[in-house]
N, C-alpha and C. Protein backbone atom coordinates (compact mmCIF):
# COMPACT_ATOMS: atom_id res chain seq x y z
N UNK A 1 89.02 110.88 92.62
CA UNK A 1 88.55 109.44 92.21
C UNK A 1 89.59 108.86 91.52
N UNK A 2 89.81 107.62 91.82
CA UNK A 2 90.78 106.71 90.90
C UNK A 2 90.22 106.21 89.69
N UNK A 3 91.09 106.01 88.81
CA UNK A 3 90.80 105.50 87.35
C UNK A 3 89.98 104.31 87.57
N UNK A 4 90.35 103.20 88.51
CA UNK A 4 89.54 102.10 88.67
C UNK A 4 88.98 101.86 90.09
N UNK A 5 87.91 101.20 90.29
CA UNK A 5 87.30 101.18 91.59
C UNK A 5 87.98 99.84 92.14
N UNK A 6 87.75 99.93 93.42
CA UNK A 6 88.40 98.80 94.31
C UNK A 6 87.61 98.59 95.64
N UNK A 7 87.63 97.55 96.01
CA UNK A 7 86.91 97.22 97.29
C UNK A 7 87.67 97.58 98.45
N UNK A 8 86.97 97.98 99.60
CA UNK A 8 87.74 98.36 100.71
C UNK A 8 88.57 97.37 101.21
N UNK A 9 88.09 96.16 101.06
CA UNK A 9 88.96 94.77 101.67
C UNK A 9 90.34 94.76 100.86
N UNK A 10 90.49 95.15 99.72
CA UNK A 10 91.67 95.14 99.12
C UNK A 10 92.52 96.12 99.41
N UNK A 11 92.05 97.32 99.69
CA UNK A 11 92.77 98.60 99.73
C UNK A 11 94.11 98.25 100.62
N UNK A 12 93.92 97.77 101.94
CA UNK A 12 95.05 97.53 102.56
C UNK A 12 96.13 96.57 102.04
N UNK A 13 95.64 95.57 101.31
CA UNK A 13 96.73 94.50 100.77
C UNK A 13 97.46 95.22 99.53
N UNK A 14 96.84 96.14 98.64
CA UNK A 14 97.44 96.69 97.81
C UNK A 14 98.40 97.90 98.20
N UNK A 15 98.16 98.52 99.16
CA UNK A 15 98.85 99.71 99.86
C UNK A 15 100.14 98.90 100.39
N UNK A 16 100.00 97.88 101.05
CA UNK A 16 101.30 97.32 101.72
C UNK A 16 101.97 96.49 100.45
N UNK A 17 101.46 95.84 99.59
CA UNK A 17 102.09 95.19 98.51
C UNK A 17 102.84 96.36 97.74
N UNK A 18 102.30 97.47 97.14
CA UNK A 18 102.83 98.51 96.29
C UNK A 18 103.96 99.21 97.06
N UNK A 19 103.62 99.46 98.42
CA UNK A 19 104.89 99.86 99.24
C UNK A 19 106.10 99.09 99.31
N UNK A 20 105.88 97.66 99.38
CA UNK A 20 106.91 96.71 99.56
C UNK A 20 107.69 96.83 98.23
N UNK A 21 106.90 96.75 97.09
CA UNK A 21 107.53 96.65 95.74
C UNK A 21 108.32 98.04 95.61
N UNK A 22 107.60 99.30 96.00
CA UNK A 22 108.49 100.48 95.72
C UNK A 22 109.64 100.49 96.59
N UNK A 23 109.62 100.06 97.87
CA UNK A 23 110.81 99.88 98.72
C UNK A 23 111.83 99.18 98.13
N UNK A 24 111.52 98.03 97.59
CA UNK A 24 112.59 96.89 96.93
C UNK A 24 113.15 97.52 95.90
N UNK A 25 112.33 98.38 94.83
CA UNK A 25 112.99 98.95 93.69
C UNK A 25 113.85 100.01 93.95
N UNK A 26 113.42 100.67 95.10
CA UNK A 26 114.44 101.80 95.55
C UNK A 26 115.74 101.33 95.87
N UNK A 27 115.75 100.28 96.80
CA UNK A 27 116.91 99.79 97.18
C UNK A 27 117.74 99.25 96.13
N UNK A 28 116.99 98.68 94.97
CA UNK A 28 117.64 98.17 93.71
C UNK A 28 118.37 99.31 93.06
N UNK A 29 117.75 100.48 93.08
CA UNK A 29 118.40 101.57 92.42
C UNK A 29 119.82 101.82 93.02
N UNK A 30 119.98 101.66 94.36
CA UNK A 30 121.35 101.99 94.84
C UNK A 30 122.26 100.81 94.90
N UNK A 31 121.90 99.75 94.38
CA UNK A 31 122.78 98.58 94.12
C UNK A 31 123.40 98.72 92.79
N UNK A 32 124.56 98.30 92.68
CA UNK A 32 125.46 98.16 91.42
C UNK A 32 124.90 97.25 90.54
N UNK A 33 123.74 97.36 90.05
CA UNK A 33 123.17 96.41 88.93
C UNK A 33 123.02 97.49 87.75
N UNK A 34 123.50 96.84 86.70
CA UNK A 34 123.36 97.66 85.29
C UNK A 34 122.18 97.28 84.73
N UNK A 35 121.02 98.04 85.26
CA UNK A 35 119.67 97.85 84.53
C UNK A 35 119.45 99.23 83.78
N UNK A 36 118.67 99.22 82.62
CA UNK A 36 118.37 100.50 81.93
C UNK A 36 117.22 101.26 82.59
N UNK A 37 117.70 102.63 82.91
CA UNK A 37 116.56 103.52 83.52
C UNK A 37 115.98 102.98 85.03
N UNK A 38 117.02 102.52 85.80
CA UNK A 38 116.38 101.71 86.96
C UNK A 38 115.84 102.72 87.94
N UNK A 39 116.18 104.15 87.75
CA UNK A 39 115.73 105.16 88.52
C UNK A 39 114.36 105.34 88.51
N UNK A 40 113.62 104.87 87.40
CA UNK A 40 112.13 105.25 87.41
C UNK A 40 111.58 104.15 87.72
N UNK A 41 111.96 102.95 88.01
CA UNK A 41 111.20 101.67 88.48
C UNK A 41 110.52 101.91 89.74
N UNK A 42 110.95 102.53 90.70
CA UNK A 42 110.03 102.75 91.90
C UNK A 42 108.75 103.76 91.60
N UNK A 43 108.95 104.60 90.84
CA UNK A 43 107.71 105.48 90.61
C UNK A 43 106.86 104.83 89.64
N UNK A 44 107.33 103.96 88.69
CA UNK A 44 106.42 103.32 87.98
C UNK A 44 105.75 102.30 88.68
N UNK A 45 106.17 101.73 89.65
CA UNK A 45 105.45 100.72 90.46
C UNK A 45 104.36 101.58 91.27
N UNK A 46 104.54 102.64 91.79
CA UNK A 46 103.47 103.63 92.50
C UNK A 46 102.56 104.04 91.50
N UNK A 47 102.87 104.44 90.25
CA UNK A 47 102.01 104.78 89.25
C UNK A 47 100.99 103.80 89.03
N UNK A 48 101.51 102.60 88.72
CA UNK A 48 100.45 101.38 88.39
C UNK A 48 99.70 101.17 89.60
N UNK A 49 100.03 101.07 90.84
CA UNK A 49 99.34 100.93 91.86
C UNK A 49 98.29 102.09 92.01
N UNK A 50 98.72 103.31 91.65
CA UNK A 50 97.72 104.32 92.01
C UNK A 50 96.58 104.56 91.17
N UNK A 51 96.55 103.54 90.10
CA UNK A 51 95.37 103.67 89.25
C UNK A 51 94.29 103.06 90.00
N UNK A 52 94.39 102.29 90.90
CA UNK A 52 93.19 101.73 91.93
C UNK A 52 93.19 102.44 93.20
N UNK A 53 94.29 103.26 93.62
CA UNK A 53 94.33 103.61 95.07
C UNK A 53 94.12 105.21 94.97
N UNK A 54 94.56 105.99 94.09
CA UNK A 54 94.63 107.50 94.41
C UNK A 54 93.96 108.08 93.30
N UNK A 55 93.52 109.23 93.68
CA UNK A 55 92.75 110.47 92.93
C UNK A 55 93.54 110.67 91.53
N UNK A 56 92.99 110.82 90.40
CA UNK A 56 93.80 110.68 89.22
C UNK A 56 94.89 111.84 89.17
N UNK A 57 94.64 113.00 89.71
CA UNK A 57 95.72 113.82 89.84
C UNK A 57 96.98 113.38 90.24
N UNK A 58 96.92 112.48 91.31
CA UNK A 58 98.12 111.98 91.90
C UNK A 58 98.68 110.70 91.04
N UNK A 59 97.87 110.25 90.26
CA UNK A 59 98.40 109.12 89.26
C UNK A 59 99.15 110.01 88.11
N UNK A 60 98.51 111.06 87.55
CA UNK A 60 99.37 111.87 86.66
C UNK A 60 100.61 112.43 87.03
N UNK A 61 100.38 112.85 88.50
CA UNK A 61 101.87 113.40 88.97
C UNK A 61 102.79 112.08 89.16
N UNK A 62 102.50 111.04 89.66
CA UNK A 62 103.53 109.84 89.66
C UNK A 62 103.83 109.60 88.21
N UNK A 63 103.18 109.39 87.29
CA UNK A 63 103.44 109.05 85.91
C UNK A 63 104.49 110.18 85.42
N UNK A 64 104.35 111.33 85.66
CA UNK A 64 105.23 112.34 84.99
C UNK A 64 106.54 112.26 85.85
N UNK A 65 106.56 111.96 87.26
CA UNK A 65 107.77 111.70 87.85
C UNK A 65 108.47 110.58 87.18
N UNK A 66 107.91 109.33 86.88
CA UNK A 66 108.60 108.32 86.32
C UNK A 66 109.21 108.69 85.16
N UNK A 67 108.33 109.56 84.31
CA UNK A 67 109.14 109.90 83.00
C UNK A 67 110.13 110.77 83.33
N UNK A 68 110.09 111.86 84.16
CA UNK A 68 111.21 112.54 84.45
C UNK A 68 112.35 111.64 84.93
N UNK A 69 112.29 110.62 85.88
CA UNK A 69 113.39 109.67 86.27
C UNK A 69 113.99 109.12 85.11
N UNK A 70 113.21 108.71 84.00
CA UNK A 70 113.67 108.09 82.94
C UNK A 70 114.64 109.00 82.19
N UNK A 71 113.91 110.30 81.94
CA UNK A 71 114.85 111.28 81.16
C UNK A 71 116.07 111.58 82.00
N UNK A 72 116.01 111.62 83.17
CA UNK A 72 117.34 111.92 83.96
C UNK A 72 118.16 110.80 83.80
N UNK A 73 117.83 109.40 83.66
CA UNK A 73 118.81 108.50 83.60
C UNK A 73 119.41 108.49 82.25
N UNK A 74 118.54 109.01 81.11
CA UNK A 74 119.21 109.10 79.94
C UNK A 74 119.83 110.36 79.64
N UNK A 75 119.91 111.21 80.44
CA UNK A 75 120.51 112.53 80.27
C UNK A 75 119.84 113.52 79.63
N UNK A 76 118.62 113.53 79.52
CA UNK A 76 117.85 114.50 78.58
C UNK A 76 117.20 115.32 79.95
N UNK A 77 117.95 116.35 79.95
CA UNK A 77 117.75 117.37 81.03
C UNK A 77 116.36 118.19 80.87
N UNK A 78 116.08 118.55 79.62
CA UNK A 78 115.06 119.39 79.46
C UNK A 78 113.69 118.69 79.55
N UNK A 79 113.82 117.38 79.04
CA UNK A 79 112.68 116.62 79.24
C UNK A 79 112.31 116.17 80.86
N UNK A 80 113.50 116.00 81.48
CA UNK A 80 113.55 115.75 83.03
C UNK A 80 112.74 116.88 83.72
N UNK A 81 113.34 118.16 83.40
CA UNK A 81 112.70 119.30 84.05
C UNK A 81 111.27 119.45 83.83
N UNK A 82 110.97 119.29 82.48
CA UNK A 82 109.51 119.44 82.20
C UNK A 82 108.57 118.56 82.71
N UNK A 83 109.06 117.36 82.71
CA UNK A 83 108.21 116.30 83.41
C UNK A 83 107.75 116.66 84.89
N UNK A 84 108.90 117.00 85.47
CA UNK A 84 108.71 117.22 87.00
C UNK A 84 108.04 118.54 87.04
N UNK A 85 107.87 119.50 86.01
CA UNK A 85 107.23 120.66 86.25
C UNK A 85 105.62 120.23 86.10
N UNK A 86 105.42 119.37 85.04
CA UNK A 86 104.17 118.64 85.05
C UNK A 86 103.62 117.96 86.39
N UNK A 87 104.61 117.29 86.95
CA UNK A 87 104.22 116.73 88.37
C UNK A 87 103.80 117.75 89.24
N UNK A 88 104.49 118.85 89.42
CA UNK A 88 104.10 119.89 90.33
C UNK A 88 102.69 120.51 89.88
N UNK A 89 102.67 120.50 88.57
CA UNK A 89 101.25 121.18 88.06
C UNK A 89 100.09 120.25 88.82
N UNK A 90 100.15 119.01 88.48
CA UNK A 90 99.04 118.03 89.06
C UNK A 90 99.24 118.00 90.34
N UNK A 91 100.27 118.01 91.29
CA UNK A 91 100.11 118.20 92.63
C UNK A 91 99.50 119.46 93.11
N UNK A 92 99.64 120.39 92.48
CA UNK A 92 99.14 121.77 92.79
C UNK A 92 97.54 121.62 92.54
N UNK A 93 97.19 121.17 91.55
CA UNK A 93 95.76 120.83 91.06
C UNK A 93 95.07 119.98 92.22
N UNK A 94 95.60 118.96 92.57
CA UNK A 94 95.24 118.04 93.55
C UNK A 94 95.05 118.74 94.85
N UNK A 95 96.05 119.38 95.41
CA UNK A 95 96.05 120.15 96.60
C UNK A 95 95.16 121.29 96.76
N UNK A 96 94.81 122.03 95.80
CA UNK A 96 93.93 123.04 95.67
C UNK A 96 92.36 122.64 95.81
N UNK A 97 92.08 121.45 94.91
CA UNK A 97 91.03 120.84 94.77
C UNK A 97 90.70 120.21 96.26
N UNK A 98 91.51 119.63 96.84
CA UNK A 98 91.40 118.94 98.11
C UNK A 98 90.94 119.98 99.32
N UNK A 99 91.90 121.07 99.12
CA UNK A 99 91.71 122.35 100.01
C UNK A 99 90.24 122.79 100.06
N UNK A 100 89.85 123.01 98.84
CA UNK A 100 88.62 123.51 98.53
C UNK A 100 87.29 122.61 99.07
N UNK A 101 87.66 121.40 98.84
CA UNK A 101 86.51 120.52 99.14
C UNK A 101 86.62 120.00 100.62
N UNK A 102 87.66 119.85 101.22
CA UNK A 102 87.75 119.28 102.51
C UNK A 102 88.06 120.40 103.62
N UNK A 103 89.39 120.90 103.41
CA UNK A 103 90.18 121.83 104.36
C UNK A 103 89.18 123.17 104.71
N UNK A 104 88.84 123.74 103.65
CA UNK A 104 88.33 124.97 103.75
C UNK A 104 86.75 124.89 104.59
N UNK A 105 86.15 123.69 104.35
CA UNK A 105 84.94 123.66 104.79
C UNK A 105 85.05 123.29 106.37
N UNK A 106 86.13 122.71 106.80
CA UNK A 106 86.19 122.32 108.14
C UNK A 106 86.98 123.33 109.05
N UNK A 107 87.71 124.27 108.36
CA UNK A 107 88.64 125.25 108.98
C UNK A 107 87.86 126.67 109.04
N UNK A 108 87.79 127.25 110.17
CA UNK A 108 87.25 128.60 110.46
C UNK A 108 88.26 129.69 110.26
N UNK A 109 87.96 130.81 109.80
CA UNK A 109 89.01 131.81 109.66
C UNK A 109 89.32 132.57 111.14
N UNK A 110 90.43 132.09 111.71
CA UNK A 110 90.72 132.80 112.94
C UNK A 110 92.21 133.40 112.74
N UNK A 111 92.54 133.96 113.89
CA UNK A 111 93.79 134.75 113.91
C UNK A 111 94.98 133.71 113.59
N UNK A 112 94.83 132.50 114.29
CA UNK A 112 95.70 131.53 113.98
C UNK A 112 95.78 131.06 112.64
N UNK A 113 94.77 130.66 112.13
CA UNK A 113 94.77 130.36 110.60
C UNK A 113 95.43 131.44 109.80
N UNK A 114 95.03 132.53 109.80
CA UNK A 114 95.46 133.62 109.08
C UNK A 114 97.09 133.86 109.17
N UNK A 115 97.42 133.83 110.41
CA UNK A 115 99.02 133.74 110.86
C UNK A 115 99.66 132.64 110.16
N UNK A 116 99.06 131.28 110.24
CA UNK A 116 99.68 130.24 109.52
C UNK A 116 99.78 130.50 107.96
N UNK A 117 98.98 131.05 107.38
CA UNK A 117 98.77 131.16 106.06
C UNK A 117 99.87 132.28 105.65
N UNK A 118 100.10 133.28 106.53
CA UNK A 118 101.09 134.20 106.39
C UNK A 118 102.42 133.69 106.36
N UNK A 119 102.51 132.67 107.54
CA UNK A 119 103.77 132.06 107.65
C UNK A 119 104.18 131.22 106.30
N UNK A 120 103.27 130.62 105.88
CA UNK A 120 103.40 129.74 104.77
C UNK A 120 103.89 130.45 103.57
N UNK A 121 103.14 131.60 103.30
CA UNK A 121 103.58 132.52 102.38
C UNK A 121 105.04 133.04 102.48
N UNK A 122 105.42 133.42 103.51
CA UNK A 122 106.69 133.99 103.99
C UNK A 122 107.93 132.95 103.54
N UNK A 123 107.59 131.52 103.98
CA UNK A 123 108.50 130.51 103.71
C UNK A 123 108.58 130.35 102.24
N UNK A 124 107.53 130.12 101.53
CA UNK A 124 107.56 129.97 100.05
C UNK A 124 108.40 131.26 99.37
N UNK A 125 108.06 132.45 99.83
CA UNK A 125 108.77 133.52 99.07
C UNK A 125 110.32 133.37 99.41
N UNK A 126 110.73 132.98 100.67
CA UNK A 126 111.98 132.82 100.95
C UNK A 126 112.74 131.98 100.27
N UNK A 127 111.89 130.67 99.91
CA UNK A 127 112.60 129.64 99.33
C UNK A 127 112.70 130.08 97.73
N UNK A 128 111.87 130.88 97.22
CA UNK A 128 111.81 131.17 95.77
C UNK A 128 112.97 132.35 95.63
N UNK A 129 113.10 133.23 96.77
CA UNK A 129 114.17 134.18 96.55
C UNK A 129 115.56 133.49 96.55
N UNK A 130 115.78 132.54 97.53
CA UNK A 130 116.91 131.74 97.54
C UNK A 130 117.31 131.09 96.29
N UNK A 131 116.18 130.40 95.68
CA UNK A 131 116.36 129.76 94.47
C UNK A 131 116.59 130.33 93.56
N UNK A 132 116.14 131.68 93.26
CA UNK A 132 116.54 132.62 92.16
C UNK A 132 117.93 133.20 92.40
N UNK A 133 118.18 133.68 93.53
CA UNK A 133 119.51 134.29 93.84
C UNK A 133 120.79 133.34 93.82
N UNK A 134 120.58 132.01 94.22
CA UNK A 134 121.67 131.33 94.35
C UNK A 134 121.73 130.20 93.28
N UNK A 135 120.67 129.68 92.64
CA UNK A 135 120.57 128.72 92.00
C UNK A 135 120.29 128.92 90.37
N UNK A 136 119.16 129.67 90.37
CA UNK A 136 118.60 129.81 89.02
C UNK A 136 119.71 130.69 88.02
N UNK A 137 120.30 131.71 89.06
CA UNK A 137 121.22 132.60 88.27
C UNK A 137 122.33 132.07 87.70
N UNK A 138 122.57 130.85 88.24
CA UNK A 138 123.89 130.15 87.87
C UNK A 138 123.51 129.29 86.52
N UNK A 139 122.23 129.12 86.25
CA UNK A 139 121.93 128.03 85.11
C UNK A 139 122.41 128.71 83.85
N UNK A 140 122.73 128.03 82.86
CA UNK A 140 123.07 128.33 81.52
C UNK A 140 121.91 129.34 80.96
N UNK A 141 122.50 130.46 80.49
CA UNK A 141 121.42 131.43 79.89
C UNK A 141 120.54 130.89 78.87
N UNK A 142 119.14 131.31 78.68
CA UNK A 142 118.56 130.73 77.81
C UNK A 142 117.38 130.19 78.20
N UNK A 143 117.02 128.90 77.41
CA UNK A 143 115.80 128.24 77.68
C UNK A 143 116.08 127.51 79.04
N UNK A 144 117.13 127.09 79.38
CA UNK A 144 117.40 126.36 80.53
C UNK A 144 117.22 127.19 81.90
N UNK A 145 117.74 128.45 81.68
CA UNK A 145 117.57 129.30 82.94
C UNK A 145 115.99 129.75 82.98
N UNK A 146 115.50 130.13 81.82
CA UNK A 146 114.03 130.29 81.95
C UNK A 146 113.13 128.98 82.52
N UNK A 147 113.55 127.83 82.05
CA UNK A 147 112.83 126.75 82.56
C UNK A 147 113.11 126.57 84.15
N UNK A 148 114.30 126.86 84.46
CA UNK A 148 114.74 126.57 85.90
C UNK A 148 113.77 127.62 86.83
N UNK A 149 113.76 128.91 86.25
CA UNK A 149 112.96 129.86 87.03
C UNK A 149 111.42 129.36 87.15
N UNK A 150 111.02 129.07 86.07
CA UNK A 150 109.42 128.63 86.13
C UNK A 150 109.33 127.42 87.05
N UNK A 151 110.17 126.46 86.98
CA UNK A 151 110.20 125.29 87.80
C UNK A 151 110.25 125.74 89.33
N UNK A 152 111.25 126.70 89.60
CA UNK A 152 111.23 127.14 90.80
C UNK A 152 109.98 127.62 91.49
N UNK A 153 109.30 128.40 90.74
CA UNK A 153 108.00 129.06 91.19
C UNK A 153 106.97 128.02 91.16
N UNK A 154 106.96 126.87 90.35
CA UNK A 154 106.08 125.72 90.54
C UNK A 154 106.12 125.01 91.74
N UNK A 155 107.47 124.67 92.12
CA UNK A 155 107.89 123.89 93.21
C UNK A 155 107.41 124.50 94.59
N UNK A 156 107.79 125.88 94.54
CA UNK A 156 107.29 126.65 95.69
C UNK A 156 105.62 126.87 95.90
N UNK A 157 104.94 126.83 94.68
CA UNK A 157 103.61 126.90 94.87
C UNK A 157 103.05 125.31 95.43
N UNK A 158 103.78 124.36 94.79
CA UNK A 158 103.32 122.76 95.27
C UNK A 158 103.46 122.90 96.90
N UNK A 159 104.59 123.41 97.27
CA UNK A 159 104.88 123.31 98.75
C UNK A 159 103.91 124.14 99.39
N UNK A 160 103.65 125.40 99.08
CA UNK A 160 102.45 126.09 99.75
C UNK A 160 101.16 125.47 99.82
N UNK A 161 100.88 124.87 98.59
CA UNK A 161 99.46 124.29 98.51
C UNK A 161 99.60 123.09 99.49
N UNK A 162 100.67 122.28 99.59
CA UNK A 162 100.81 121.09 100.44
C UNK A 162 100.69 121.42 101.92
N UNK A 163 101.33 122.40 102.33
CA UNK A 163 101.33 122.90 103.72
C UNK A 163 100.00 123.32 104.12
N UNK A 164 99.10 123.74 103.27
CA UNK A 164 97.75 124.12 103.55
C UNK A 164 96.72 122.86 103.75
N UNK A 165 97.24 121.72 103.79
CA UNK A 165 96.23 120.59 103.73
C UNK A 165 96.01 120.02 105.07
N UNK A 166 96.51 120.62 106.05
CA UNK A 166 96.35 120.12 107.43
C UNK A 166 96.81 118.73 107.56
N UNK A 167 97.94 118.61 107.00
CA UNK A 167 98.32 116.98 106.96
C UNK A 167 99.80 116.83 107.13
N UNK A 168 100.25 116.38 108.20
CA UNK A 168 101.79 116.20 108.44
C UNK A 168 102.39 115.37 107.29
N UNK A 169 101.70 114.47 106.68
CA UNK A 169 102.32 113.50 105.66
C UNK A 169 102.53 114.27 104.31
N UNK A 170 101.46 115.00 104.09
CA UNK A 170 101.57 115.77 102.79
C UNK A 170 102.62 116.71 102.86
N UNK A 171 102.69 117.52 104.01
CA UNK A 171 103.52 118.49 104.39
C UNK A 171 105.10 118.00 104.33
N UNK A 172 105.33 116.83 104.98
CA UNK A 172 106.59 116.21 105.06
C UNK A 172 107.07 115.90 103.54
N UNK A 173 106.08 114.99 102.79
CA UNK A 173 106.43 114.76 101.45
C UNK A 173 106.88 115.78 100.58
N UNK A 174 106.12 117.00 100.63
CA UNK A 174 106.40 118.11 99.79
C UNK A 174 107.77 118.70 100.29
N UNK A 175 107.90 118.87 101.53
CA UNK A 175 109.35 119.35 101.98
C UNK A 175 110.48 118.49 101.47
N UNK A 176 110.29 117.03 101.61
CA UNK A 176 111.34 116.27 101.28
C UNK A 176 111.52 116.53 99.65
N UNK A 177 110.40 116.66 98.77
CA UNK A 177 110.56 116.78 97.49
C UNK A 177 111.39 118.04 97.05
N UNK A 178 111.09 119.14 97.76
CA UNK A 178 111.60 120.40 97.76
C UNK A 178 113.16 120.28 97.82
N UNK A 179 113.47 119.68 99.02
CA UNK A 179 114.82 119.32 99.67
C UNK A 179 115.67 118.78 98.51
N UNK A 180 114.91 117.68 97.93
CA UNK A 180 115.74 116.80 96.86
C UNK A 180 116.07 117.63 95.71
N UNK A 181 114.99 118.42 95.17
CA UNK A 181 115.19 119.10 93.99
C UNK A 181 116.14 120.33 94.35
N UNK A 182 116.32 120.88 95.48
CA UNK A 182 117.12 121.91 95.74
C UNK A 182 118.65 121.40 95.77
N UNK A 183 118.72 120.29 96.38
CA UNK A 183 120.25 119.37 96.32
C UNK A 183 120.52 119.37 94.80
N UNK A 184 119.61 118.77 94.04
CA UNK A 184 119.81 118.21 92.51
C UNK A 184 120.33 119.61 91.78
N UNK A 185 119.65 120.69 91.90
CA UNK A 185 119.85 121.88 91.25
C UNK A 185 121.18 122.59 91.71
N UNK A 186 121.42 122.69 93.06
CA UNK A 186 122.63 123.19 93.62
C UNK A 186 123.80 122.36 92.97
N UNK A 187 123.70 121.03 92.96
CA UNK A 187 124.93 120.13 92.38
C UNK A 187 125.05 120.25 91.03
N UNK A 188 124.04 120.70 90.13
CA UNK A 188 123.90 120.87 88.95
C UNK A 188 124.46 122.29 88.40
N UNK A 189 124.00 123.12 89.06
CA UNK A 189 124.35 124.70 88.57
C UNK A 189 125.19 125.44 89.48
N UNK A 190 125.45 125.07 90.67
CA UNK A 190 126.08 126.09 91.53
C UNK A 190 127.55 125.41 91.93
N UNK A 191 127.40 124.41 92.55
CA UNK A 191 128.79 123.64 92.87
C UNK A 191 128.57 122.14 93.41
N UNK A 192 129.41 121.23 93.00
CA UNK A 192 129.17 119.99 93.38
C UNK A 192 129.05 119.63 94.88
N UNK A 193 128.23 118.64 95.20
CA UNK A 193 127.88 118.26 96.59
C UNK A 193 128.37 116.81 96.93
N UNK A 194 129.01 116.75 97.96
CA UNK A 194 129.34 115.20 98.36
C UNK A 194 128.21 114.37 98.63
N UNK A 195 128.17 113.18 98.10
CA UNK A 195 127.13 112.36 98.36
C UNK A 195 125.76 112.77 97.87
N UNK A 196 125.97 113.58 96.66
CA UNK A 196 124.74 114.16 96.05
C UNK A 196 123.63 113.06 95.62
N UNK A 197 124.10 112.15 95.25
CA UNK A 197 123.20 110.91 94.83
C UNK A 197 122.29 110.36 95.94
N UNK A 198 122.73 110.29 97.18
CA UNK A 198 122.08 109.90 98.36
C UNK A 198 121.09 111.06 98.88
N UNK A 199 121.75 112.34 98.78
CA UNK A 199 120.93 113.18 99.28
C UNK A 199 119.68 113.71 98.37
N UNK A 200 119.99 113.31 96.95
CA UNK A 200 118.75 113.66 96.10
C UNK A 200 117.72 112.41 96.22
N UNK A 201 118.19 111.28 96.20
CA UNK A 201 117.15 110.37 95.86
C UNK A 201 116.42 109.82 97.00
N UNK A 202 117.11 109.71 98.33
CA UNK A 202 116.46 109.15 99.43
C UNK A 202 115.55 110.11 99.88
N UNK A 203 115.57 111.39 99.93
CA UNK A 203 114.28 112.37 100.09
C UNK A 203 113.28 112.12 99.08
N UNK A 204 113.73 112.25 97.99
CA UNK A 204 112.84 112.16 96.65
C UNK A 204 112.04 110.95 96.78
N UNK A 205 112.54 109.83 97.05
CA UNK A 205 111.72 108.45 96.94
C UNK A 205 110.80 108.39 98.04
N UNK A 206 111.16 109.01 99.41
CA UNK A 206 110.39 109.06 100.62
C UNK A 206 109.22 110.04 100.27
N UNK A 207 109.62 111.01 99.92
CA UNK A 207 108.71 112.28 99.81
C UNK A 207 107.48 111.76 98.69
N UNK A 208 108.07 111.04 97.76
CA UNK A 208 107.02 110.78 96.87
C UNK A 208 106.00 109.43 97.40
N UNK A 209 106.70 108.69 98.18
CA UNK A 209 105.81 107.64 98.83
C UNK A 209 105.03 108.26 99.72
N UNK A 210 105.28 109.27 100.67
CA UNK A 210 104.42 109.88 101.66
C UNK A 210 103.25 110.44 101.01
N UNK A 211 103.32 111.05 99.85
CA UNK A 211 102.34 111.67 99.09
C UNK A 211 101.35 110.59 98.56
N UNK A 212 101.87 109.62 98.02
CA UNK A 212 100.98 108.55 97.50
C UNK A 212 100.35 107.72 98.55
N UNK A 213 100.92 107.51 99.78
CA UNK A 213 100.25 106.55 100.66
C UNK A 213 99.29 107.55 101.44
N UNK A 214 99.41 108.76 101.63
CA UNK A 214 98.55 109.69 102.13
C UNK A 214 97.32 109.91 101.34
N UNK A 215 97.45 109.92 99.94
CA UNK A 215 96.38 110.13 99.05
C UNK A 215 95.31 108.92 98.92
N UNK A 216 95.87 107.76 99.44
CA UNK A 216 95.03 106.55 99.41
C UNK A 216 94.09 106.61 100.60
N UNK A 217 93.02 105.60 100.66
CA UNK A 217 92.10 105.57 101.68
C UNK A 217 92.82 104.65 102.72
N UNK A 218 93.76 104.21 102.73
CA UNK A 218 94.74 103.21 103.73
C UNK A 218 95.25 104.18 104.61
N UNK A 219 95.16 103.85 105.92
CA UNK A 219 95.77 104.55 107.05
C UNK A 219 96.68 103.52 107.74
N UNK A 220 97.90 103.92 107.94
CA UNK A 220 98.94 103.07 108.65
C UNK A 220 98.62 103.34 110.17
N UNK A 221 98.15 104.31 110.59
CA UNK A 221 97.78 104.79 111.94
C UNK A 221 97.34 106.34 112.06
N UNK A 222 97.06 106.64 113.21
CA UNK A 222 96.58 108.19 113.43
C UNK A 222 97.86 109.01 113.07
N UNK A 223 97.42 109.95 112.20
CA UNK A 223 98.52 111.02 111.51
C UNK A 223 98.91 111.94 112.76
N UNK A 224 100.24 112.16 113.05
CA UNK A 224 100.49 113.37 113.77
C UNK A 224 99.76 114.59 113.42
N UNK A 225 99.45 115.21 114.54
CA UNK A 225 98.47 116.49 114.41
C UNK A 225 99.31 117.88 114.43
N UNK A 226 100.57 117.75 113.69
CA UNK A 226 101.41 118.90 113.75
C UNK A 226 100.89 119.95 112.84
N UNK A 227 100.05 119.67 111.80
CA UNK A 227 99.54 120.64 110.92
C UNK A 227 98.22 120.97 111.21
N UNK A 228 97.55 120.57 112.37
CA UNK A 228 96.37 120.98 112.54
C UNK A 228 96.28 122.30 113.04
N UNK A 229 95.51 123.16 112.52
CA UNK A 229 95.37 124.77 112.79
C UNK A 229 93.87 125.06 112.64
């Protein structure tokens, strides 16, 4: 349930308007404009719109993402990592709740569904292994390495719960989020990556928008059935 109620008649208008504002602010980020903390503008716009459009867990996730973006702009890495860790906690909360209320009631336990769950677990374990063996181990010893390890576990859990939603948009949004964070961490702890800014921010913004728009009641069209099992 969103923080504020809204009529169905206004849902489409707000969804389109907030998406347009978000896209405009995302483009502004890549322009050479000297604006303070402009990385956080797109997610701030989605946070405000989500007060009327999204379940409160999504609003909290977007809010902490905006805080993380602001902290990143200011070079406060621990606050950035902690804020995004909170983002993933709220996303996990939302996905687990949605799965229990919607997906689990509609899905029958079959060999196909069990195999799909096993595959998701294998994917998440592989990503976690790669993160710890190739990225976390290169982080500075101490609180940053510990925090990076906890963060890696959280984002893998977020991905796993998103992939269980029987929704291509949630799945793609989570995958883009993971890809963005992987590039960011590799660029910071392992070795520099060419065009890191584009590889981090484009998937990040798109992934956040996909999760946002899917969590609203607005539908741009029939969703792909790739995740139907």
